[in-house]
PDB file of N, CA and C in Angstrom:
ATOM      1  N   MET A   1       0.059  35.092  -5.450  1.00  0.00           N
ATOM      2  CA  MET A   1       1.398  34.124  -5.528  1.00  0.00           C
ATOM      3  C   MET A   1       0.992  32.798  -4.761  1.00  0.00           C
ATOM      4  N   ALA A   2      -0.048  32.767  -4.239  1.00  0.00           N
ATOM      5  CA  ALA A   2      -0.398  31.477  -3.289  1.00  0.00           C
ATOM      6  C   ALA A   2      -1.086  30.547  -4.362  1.00  0.00           C
ATOM      7  N   LYS A   3      -1.181  30.837  -5.710  1.00  0.00           N
ATOM      8  CA  LYS A   3      -1.627  29.926  -6.807  1.00  0.00           C
ATOM      9  C   LYS A   3      -0.733  29.003  -7.035  1.00  0.00           C
ATOM     10  N   PHE A   4       0.893  29.340  -6.860  1.00  0.00           N
ATOM     11  CA  PHE A   4       1.956  28.541  -7.238  1.00  0.00           C
ATOM     12  C   PHE A   4       2.616  28.280  -6.253  1.00  0.00           C
ATOM     13  N   ASP A   5       2.036  27.915  -4.897  1.00  0.00           N
ATOM     14  CA  ASP A   5       2.786  27.441  -3.873  1.00  0.00           C
ATOM     15  C   ASP A   5       3.334  26.077  -4.162  1.00  0.00           C
ATOM     16  N   TRP A   6       2.758  25.104  -4.972  1.00  0.00           N
ATOM     17  CA  TRP A   6       3.261  23.898  -5.105  1.00  0.00           C
ATOM     18  C   TRP A   6       4.481  23.762  -6.044  1.00  0.00           C
ATOM     19  N   LEU A   7       4.864  25.023  -6.603  1.00  0.00           N
ATOM     20  CA  LEU A   7       5.781  25.200  -7.546  1.00  0.00           C
ATOM     21  C   LEU A   7       7.345  25.262  -6.816  1.00  0.00           C
ATOM     22  N   HIS A   8       7.527  25.141  -5.565  1.00  0.00           N
ATOM     23  CA  HIS A   8       8.646  25.437  -4.977  1.00  0.00           C
ATOM     24  C   HIS A   8       9.515  24.336  -5.303  1.00  0.00           C
ATOM     25  N   PRO A   9      10.810  24.366  -5.157  1.00  0.00           N
ATOM     26  CA  PRO A   9      11.780  23.104  -5.635  1.00  0.00           C
ATOM     27  C   PRO A   9      11.733  22.054  -4.585  1.00  0.00           C
ATOM     28  N   VAL A  10      11.425  22.185  -3.379  1.00  0.00           N
ATOM     29  CA  VAL A  10      11.262  21.275  -2.317  1.00  0.00           C
ATOM     30  C   VAL A  10      10.157  20.589  -2.492  1.00  0.00           C
ATOM     31  N   SER A  11       9.053  21.137  -3.002  1.00  0.00           N
ATOM     32  CA  SER A  11       7.743  20.318  -3.589  1.00  0.00           C
ATOM     33  C   SER A  11       8.024  19.373  -4.737  1.00  0.00           C
ATOM     34  N   ILE A  12       8.797  19.986  -5.660  1.00  0.00           N
ATOM     35  CA  ILE A  12       9.116  19.255  -6.955  1.00  0.00           C
ATOM     36  C   ILE A  12      10.009  18.115  -6.502  1.00  0.00           C
ATOM     37  N   ALA A  13      11.008  18.271  -5.849  1.00  0.00           N
ATOM     38  CA  ALA A  13      11.872  17.186  -5.474  1.00  0.00           C
ATOM     39  C   ALA A  13      11.055  16.046  -4.674  1.00  0.00           C
ATOM     40  N   GLY A  14      10.204  16.658  -3.778  1.00  0.00           N
ATOM     41  CA  GLY A  14       9.381  15.574  -3.001  1.00  0.00           C
ATOM     42  C   GLY A  14       8.631  14.704  -3.877  1.00  0.00           C
ATOM     43  N   THR A  15       7.975  15.475  -4.823  1.00  0.00           N
ATOM     44  CA  THR A  15       7.156  14.730  -5.941  1.00  0.00           C
ATOM     45  C   THR A  15       7.960  13.860  -6.682  1.00  0.00           C
ATOM     46  N   LEU A  16       8.992  14.157  -7.289  1.00  0.00           N
ATOM     47  CA  LEU A  16       9.995  13.249  -7.861  1.00  0.00           C
ATOM     48  C   LEU A  16      10.582  11.973  -6.964  1.00  0.00           C
ATOM     49  N   LEU A  17      10.894  12.279  -5.926  1.00  0.00           N
ATOM     50  CA  LEU A  17      11.153  11.074  -4.905  1.00  0.00           C
ATOM     51  C   LEU A  17      10.409  10.169  -4.866  1.00  0.00           C
ATOM     52  N   TYR A  18       9.132  10.588  -4.425  1.00  0.00           N
ATOM     53  CA  TYR A  18       7.876   9.686  -4.228  1.00  0.00           C
ATOM     54  C   TYR A  18       7.671   8.884  -5.547  1.00  0.00           C
ATOM     55  N   ALA A  19       7.645   9.656  -6.542  1.00  0.00           N
ATOM     56  CA  ALA A  19       7.537   8.950  -7.963  1.00  0.00           C
ATOM     57  C   ALA A  19       8.531   7.976  -8.197  1.00  0.00           C
ATOM     58  N   LEU A  20       9.696   8.254  -7.909  1.00  0.00           N
ATOM     59  CA  LEU A  20      10.741   7.379  -8.155  1.00  0.00           C
ATOM     60  C   LEU A  20      10.582   5.988  -7.094  1.00  0.00           C
ATOM     61  N   ILE A  21      10.354   6.426  -5.783  1.00  0.00           N
ATOM     62  CA  ILE A  21       9.888   5.181  -4.904  1.00  0.00           C
ATOM     63  C   ILE A  21       8.952   4.440  -5.500  1.00  0.00           C
ATOM     64  N   GLY A  22       7.925   4.791  -5.841  1.00  0.00           N
ATOM     65  CA  GLY A  22       6.710   4.133  -6.333  1.00  0.00           C
ATOM     66  C   GLY A  22       7.003   3.312  -7.506  1.00  0.00           C
ATOM     67  N   ILE A  23       7.786   3.870  -8.475  1.00  0.00           N
ATOM     68  CA  ILE A  23       8.193   3.035  -9.574  1.00  0.00           C
ATOM     69  C   ILE A  23       9.331   1.918  -9.284  1.00  0.00           C
ATOM     70  N   VAL A  24      10.025   2.092  -8.456  1.00  0.00           N
ATOM     71  CA  VAL A  24      10.932   1.179  -7.666  1.00  0.00           C
ATOM     72  C   VAL A  24      10.229  -0.036  -7.299  1.00  0.00           C
ATOM     73  N   VAL A  25       9.120   0.219  -6.379  1.00  0.00           N
ATOM     74  CA  VAL A  25       8.374  -0.585  -5.729  1.00  0.00           C
ATOM     75  C   VAL A  25       7.530  -1.306  -6.553  1.00  0.00           C
ATOM     76  N   PHE A  26       7.119  -0.719  -7.554  1.00  0.00           N
ATOM     77  CA  PHE A  26       6.287  -1.258  -8.635  1.00  0.00           C
ATOM     78  C   PHE A  26       7.120  -2.441  -9.547  1.00  0.00           C
ATOM     79  N   TRP A  27       8.265  -2.062  -9.903  1.00  0.00           N
ATOM     80  CA  TRP A  27       9.052  -2.828 -10.567  1.00  0.00           C
ATOM     81  C   TRP A  27       9.708  -4.112  -9.721  1.00  0.00           C
ATOM     82  N   VAL A  28      10.039  -4.008  -8.560  1.00  0.00           N
ATOM     83  CA  VAL A  28      10.406  -5.218  -7.416  1.00  0.00           C
ATOM     84  C   VAL A  28       9.085  -6.035  -7.402  1.00  0.00           C
ATOM     85  N   ALA A  29       7.948  -5.333  -7.202  1.00  0.00           N
ATOM     86  CA  ALA A  29       6.670  -6.368  -7.009  1.00  0.00           C
ATOM     87  C   ALA A  29       6.594  -7.245  -8.427  1.00  0.00           C
ATOM     88  N   PHE A  30       6.760  -6.622  -9.407  1.00  0.00           N
ATOM     89  CA  PHE A  30       6.488  -7.234 -10.856  1.00  0.00           C
ATOM     90  C   PHE A  30       7.661  -8.191 -10.937  1.00  0.00           C
ATOM     91  N   VAL A  31       8.703  -8.033 -10.741  1.00  0.00           N
ATOM     92  CA  VAL A  31       9.975  -8.976 -10.935  1.00  0.00           C
ATOM     93  C   VAL A  31       9.680 -10.183  -9.818  1.00  0.00           C
ATOM     94  N   ILE A  32       9.222  -9.891  -8.444  1.00  0.00           N
ATOM     95  CA  ILE A  32       8.796 -11.107  -7.722  1.00  0.00           C
ATOM     96  C   ILE A  32       7.898 -11.726  -8.168  1.00  0.00           C
ATOM     97  N   ILE A  33       6.726 -11.292  -8.573  1.00  0.00           N
ATOM     98  CA  ILE A  33       5.654 -12.114  -9.354  1.00  0.00           C
ATOM     99  C   ILE A  33       6.058 -12.879 -10.533  1.00  0.00           C
ATOM    100  N   ASP A  34       7.120 -12.357 -11.343  1.00  0.00           N
ATOM    101  CA  ASP A  34       7.379 -12.986 -12.433  1.00  0.00           C
ATOM    102  C   ASP A  34       8.437 -14.018 -11.966  1.00  0.00           C
ATOM    103  N   LYS A  35       8.930 -14.085 -10.828  1.00  0.00           N
ATOM    104  CA  LYS A  35       9.849 -15.198 -10.539  1.00  0.00           C
ATOM    105  C   LYS A  35       9.187 -16.444  -9.919  1.00  0.00           C
ATOM    106  N   ILE A  36       7.903 -15.916  -9.061  1.00  0.00           N
ATOM    107  CA  ILE A  36       7.138 -17.002  -8.634  1.00  0.00           C
ATOM    108  C   ILE A  36       6.090 -17.933  -9.579  1.00  0.00           C
ATOM    109  N   THR A  37       5.961 -17.323 -10.642  1.00  0.00           N
ATOM    110  CA  THR A  37       5.295 -17.823 -11.737  1.00  0.00           C
ATOM    111  C   THR A  37       6.099 -19.073 -12.468  1.00  0.00           C
ATOM    112  N   PRO A  38       5.429 -19.984 -12.644  1.00  0.00           N
ATOM    113  CA  PRO A  38       6.283 -21.221 -13.299  1.00  0.00           C
ATOM    114  C   PRO A  38       6.738 -20.916 -14.733  1.00  0.00           C
ATOM    115  N   TYR A  39       6.348 -19.839 -15.466  1.00  0.00           N
ATOM    116  CA  TYR A  39       6.903 -19.436 -16.607  1.00  0.00           C
ATOM    117  C   TYR A  39       7.196 -18.087 -16.859  1.00  0.00           C
ATOM    118  N   ASP A  40       8.187 -17.662 -18.037  1.00  0.00           N
ATOM    119  CA  ASP A  40       8.566 -16.245 -18.100  1.00  0.00           C
ATOM    120  C   ASP A  40       7.055 -15.588 -18.590  1.00  0.00           C
ATOM    121  N   LEU A  41       6.805 -14.541 -17.767  1.00  0.00           N
ATOM    122  CA  LEU A  41       5.607 -13.868 -18.272  1.00  0.00           C
ATOM    123  C   LEU A  41       5.885 -12.943 -19.573  1.00  0.00           C
ATOM    124  N   TRP A  42       7.032 -12.287 -19.660  1.00  0.00           N
ATOM    125  CA  TRP A  42       7.266 -11.498 -20.822  1.00  0.00           C
ATOM    126  C   TRP A  42       7.424 -12.414 -22.175  1.00  0.00           C
ATOM    127  N   ALA A  43       8.115 -13.447 -22.003  1.00  0.00           N
ATOM    128  CA  ALA A  43       8.106 -14.304 -23.246  1.00  0.00           C
ATOM    129  C   ALA A  43       6.612 -14.849 -23.525  1.00  0.00           C
ATOM    130  N   GLU A  44       6.028 -15.098 -22.518  1.00  0.00           N
ATOM    131  CA  GLU A  44       4.596 -15.729 -22.963  1.00  0.00           C
ATOM    132  C   GLU A  44       3.661 -14.713 -23.426  1.00  0.00           C
ATOM    133  N   ILE A  45       3.862 -13.410 -22.924  1.00  0.00           N
ATOM    134  CA  ILE A  45       3.101 -12.428 -23.492  1.00  0.00           C
ATOM    135  C   ILE A  45       3.491 -11.999 -24.812  1.00  0.00           C
ATOM    136  N   VAL A  46       4.745 -11.656 -25.089  1.00  0.00           N
ATOM    137  CA  VAL A  46       5.271 -11.074 -26.340  1.00  0.00           C
ATOM    138  C   VAL A  46       5.352 -11.925 -27.325  1.00  0.00           C
ATOM    139  N   GLU A  47       6.169 -13.229 -27.055  1.00  0.00           N
ATOM    140  CA  GLU A  47       6.415 -13.935 -28.177  1.00  0.00           C
ATOM    141  C   GLU A  47       5.280 -15.061 -28.522  1.00  0.00           C
ATOM    142  N   LYS A  48       4.638 -15.519 -27.354  1.00  0.00           N
ATOM    143  CA  LYS A  48       3.240 -16.431 -27.834  1.00  0.00           C
ATOM    144  C   LYS A  48       1.987 -15.662 -27.792  1.00  0.00           C
ATOM    145  N   GLN A  49       2.062 -14.390 -27.778  1.00  0.00           N
ATOM    146  CA  GLN A  49       0.661 -13.508 -27.900  1.00  0.00           C
ATOM    147  C   GLN A  49      -0.331 -13.979 -27.036  1.00  0.00           C
ATOM    148  N   ASN A  50      -0.034 -14.573 -25.791  1.00  0.00           N
ATOM    149  CA  ASN A  50      -0.977 -14.897 -24.766  1.00  0.00           C
ATOM    150  C   ASN A  50      -1.885 -13.729 -24.294  1.00  0.00           C
ATOM    151  N   ARG A  51      -3.145 -13.344 -24.880  1.00  0.00           N
ATOM    152  CA  ARG A  51      -3.672 -12.168 -24.438  1.00  0.00           C
ATOM    153  C   ARG A  51      -4.295 -12.468 -23.155  1.00  0.00           C
ATOM    154  N   ALA A  52      -4.800 -13.449 -22.784  1.00  0.00           N
ATOM    155  CA  ALA A  52      -5.658 -13.652 -21.393  1.00  0.00           C
ATOM    156  C   ALA A  52      -4.466 -13.412 -20.366  1.00  0.00           C
ATOM    157  N   LEU A  53      -3.328 -14.005 -20.416  1.00  0.00           N
ATOM    158  CA  LEU A  53      -2.259 -13.676 -19.482  1.00  0.00           C
ATOM    159  C   LEU A  53      -1.896 -12.192 -19.504  1.00  0.00           C
ATOM    160  N   ALA A  54      -2.030 -11.638 -20.690  1.00  0.00           N
ATOM    161  CA  ALA A  54      -1.583 -10.243 -20.707  1.00  0.00           C
ATOM    162  C   ALA A  54      -2.727  -9.395 -19.940  1.00  0.00           C
ATOM    163  N   LEU A  55      -3.895  -9.659 -20.015  1.00  0.00           N
ATOM    164  CA  LEU A  55      -4.910  -9.145 -19.348  1.00  0.00           C
ATOM    165  C   LEU A  55      -4.818  -9.348 -17.666  1.00  0.00           C
ATOM    166  N   VAL A  56      -4.460 -10.514 -17.431  1.00  0.00           N
ATOM    167  CA  VAL A  56      -4.254 -10.827 -15.981  1.00  0.00           C
ATOM    168  C   VAL A  56      -3.046  -9.913 -15.550  1.00  0.00           C
ATOM    169  N   VAL A  57      -2.048  -9.891 -16.194  1.00  0.00           N
ATOM    170  CA  VAL A  57      -0.743  -9.026 -15.876  1.00  0.00           C
ATOM    171  C   VAL A  57      -1.232  -7.683 -15.759  1.00  0.00           C
ATOM    172  N   ALA A  58      -2.022  -7.145 -16.636  1.00  0.00           N
ATOM    173  CA  ALA A  58      -2.361  -5.845 -16.520  1.00  0.00           C
ATOM    174  C   ALA A  58      -3.197  -5.481 -15.409  1.00  0.00           C
ATOM    175  N   ALA A  59      -4.033  -6.410 -15.199  1.00  0.00           N
ATOM    176  CA  ALA A  59      -4.914  -6.243 -13.865  1.00  0.00           C
ATOM    177  C   ALA A  59      -4.117  -6.087 -12.639  1.00  0.00           C
ATOM    178  N   MET A  60      -2.935  -7.242 -12.524  1.00  0.00           N
ATOM    179  CA  MET A  60      -1.923  -7.314 -11.620  1.00  0.00           C
ATOM    180  C   MET A  60      -1.401  -5.756 -11.448  1.00  0.00           C
ATOM    181  N   CYS A  61      -0.817  -5.308 -12.558  1.00  0.00           N
ATOM    182  CA  CYS A  61      -0.132  -3.913 -12.550  1.00  0.00           C
ATOM    183  C   CYS A  61      -1.009  -2.876 -12.052  1.00  0.00           C
ATOM    184  N   LEU A  62      -2.231  -2.964 -12.355  1.00  0.00           N
ATOM    185  CA  LEU A  62      -3.222  -1.831 -11.952  1.00  0.00           C
ATOM    186  C   LEU A  62      -3.199  -1.891 -10.227  1.00  0.00           C
ATOM    187  N   GLY A  63      -3.401  -3.266  -9.825  1.00  0.00           N
ATOM    188  CA  GLY A  63      -3.443  -3.452  -8.359  1.00  0.00           C
ATOM    189  C   GLY A  63      -2.274  -2.976  -7.800  1.00  0.00           C
ATOM    190  N   ILE A  64      -1.094  -3.409  -8.146  1.00  0.00           N
ATOM    191  CA  ILE A  64       0.154  -3.029  -7.637  1.00  0.00           C
ATOM    192  C   ILE A  64       0.263  -1.467  -7.565  1.00  0.00           C
ATOM    193  N   SER A  65      -0.195  -0.876  -8.731  1.00  0.00           N
ATOM    194  CA  SER A  65      -0.118   0.599  -8.839  1.00  0.00           C
ATOM    195  C   SER A  65      -0.872   1.132  -7.640  1.00  0.00           C
ATOM    196  N   ILE A  66      -2.188   0.942  -7.540  1.00  0.00           N
ATOM    197  CA  ILE A  66      -3.109   1.392  -6.516  1.00  0.00           C
ATOM    198  C   ILE A  66      -2.422   1.313  -5.268  1.00  0.00           C
ATOM    199  N   ILE A  67      -2.124   0.055  -4.741  1.00  0.00           N
ATOM    200  CA  ILE A  67      -1.367  -0.034  -3.477  1.00  0.00           C
ATOM    201  C   ILE A  67      -0.470   0.649  -3.284  1.00  0.00           C
ATOM    202  N   VAL A  68       0.701   0.896  -4.245  1.00  0.00           N
ATOM    203  CA  VAL A  68       1.796   1.647  -4.094  1.00  0.00           C
ATOM    204  C   VAL A  68       1.221   3.242  -3.957  1.00  0.00           C
ATOM    205  N   ALA A  69       0.222   3.718  -4.775  1.00  0.00           N
ATOM    206  CA  ALA A  69      -0.215   5.020  -4.811  1.00  0.00           C
ATOM    207  C   ALA A  69      -0.729   5.199  -3.265  1.00  0.00           C
ATOM    208  N   ALA A  70      -1.519   4.411  -2.864  1.00  0.00           N
ATOM    209  CA  ALA A  70      -2.238   4.545  -1.564  1.00  0.00           C
ATOM    210  C   ALA A  70      -1.021   4.554  -0.471  1.00  0.00           C
ATOM    211  N   ALA A  71      -0.117   3.835  -0.472  1.00  0.00           N
ATOM    212  CA  ALA A  71       0.907   3.884   0.388  1.00  0.00           C
ATOM    213  C   ALA A  71       1.626   5.110   0.354  1.00  0.00           C
ATOM    214  N   ILE A  72       1.858   5.576  -0.550  1.00  0.00           N
ATOM    215  CA  ILE A  72       2.734   6.755  -0.536  1.00  0.00           C
ATOM    216  C   ILE A  72       1.940   8.039  -0.253  1.00  0.00           C
ATOM    217  N   HIS A  73       0.560   7.926  -0.572  1.00  0.00           N
ATOM    218  CA  HIS A  73      -0.298   9.048  -0.368  1.00  0.00           C
ATOM    219  C   HIS A  73      -0.340   9.356   1.175  1.00  0.00           C
TER     220      HIS A  73
END
């Protein structure tokens, strides 16, 4: 039974809570960065197909995700 120790409801609830906190922190960081840039990131990437900006935003998202994961861990 030691094989399924992580399957307790408390462990699952903790995992879901930390996942939710990580998603919220990531979303807030993205919105802040979107607000401090001089143009609308979403419109620039989706409507104007700016691939260079999309690559920079993807790298930024990975960086924020790594920081949030390290802080939660």
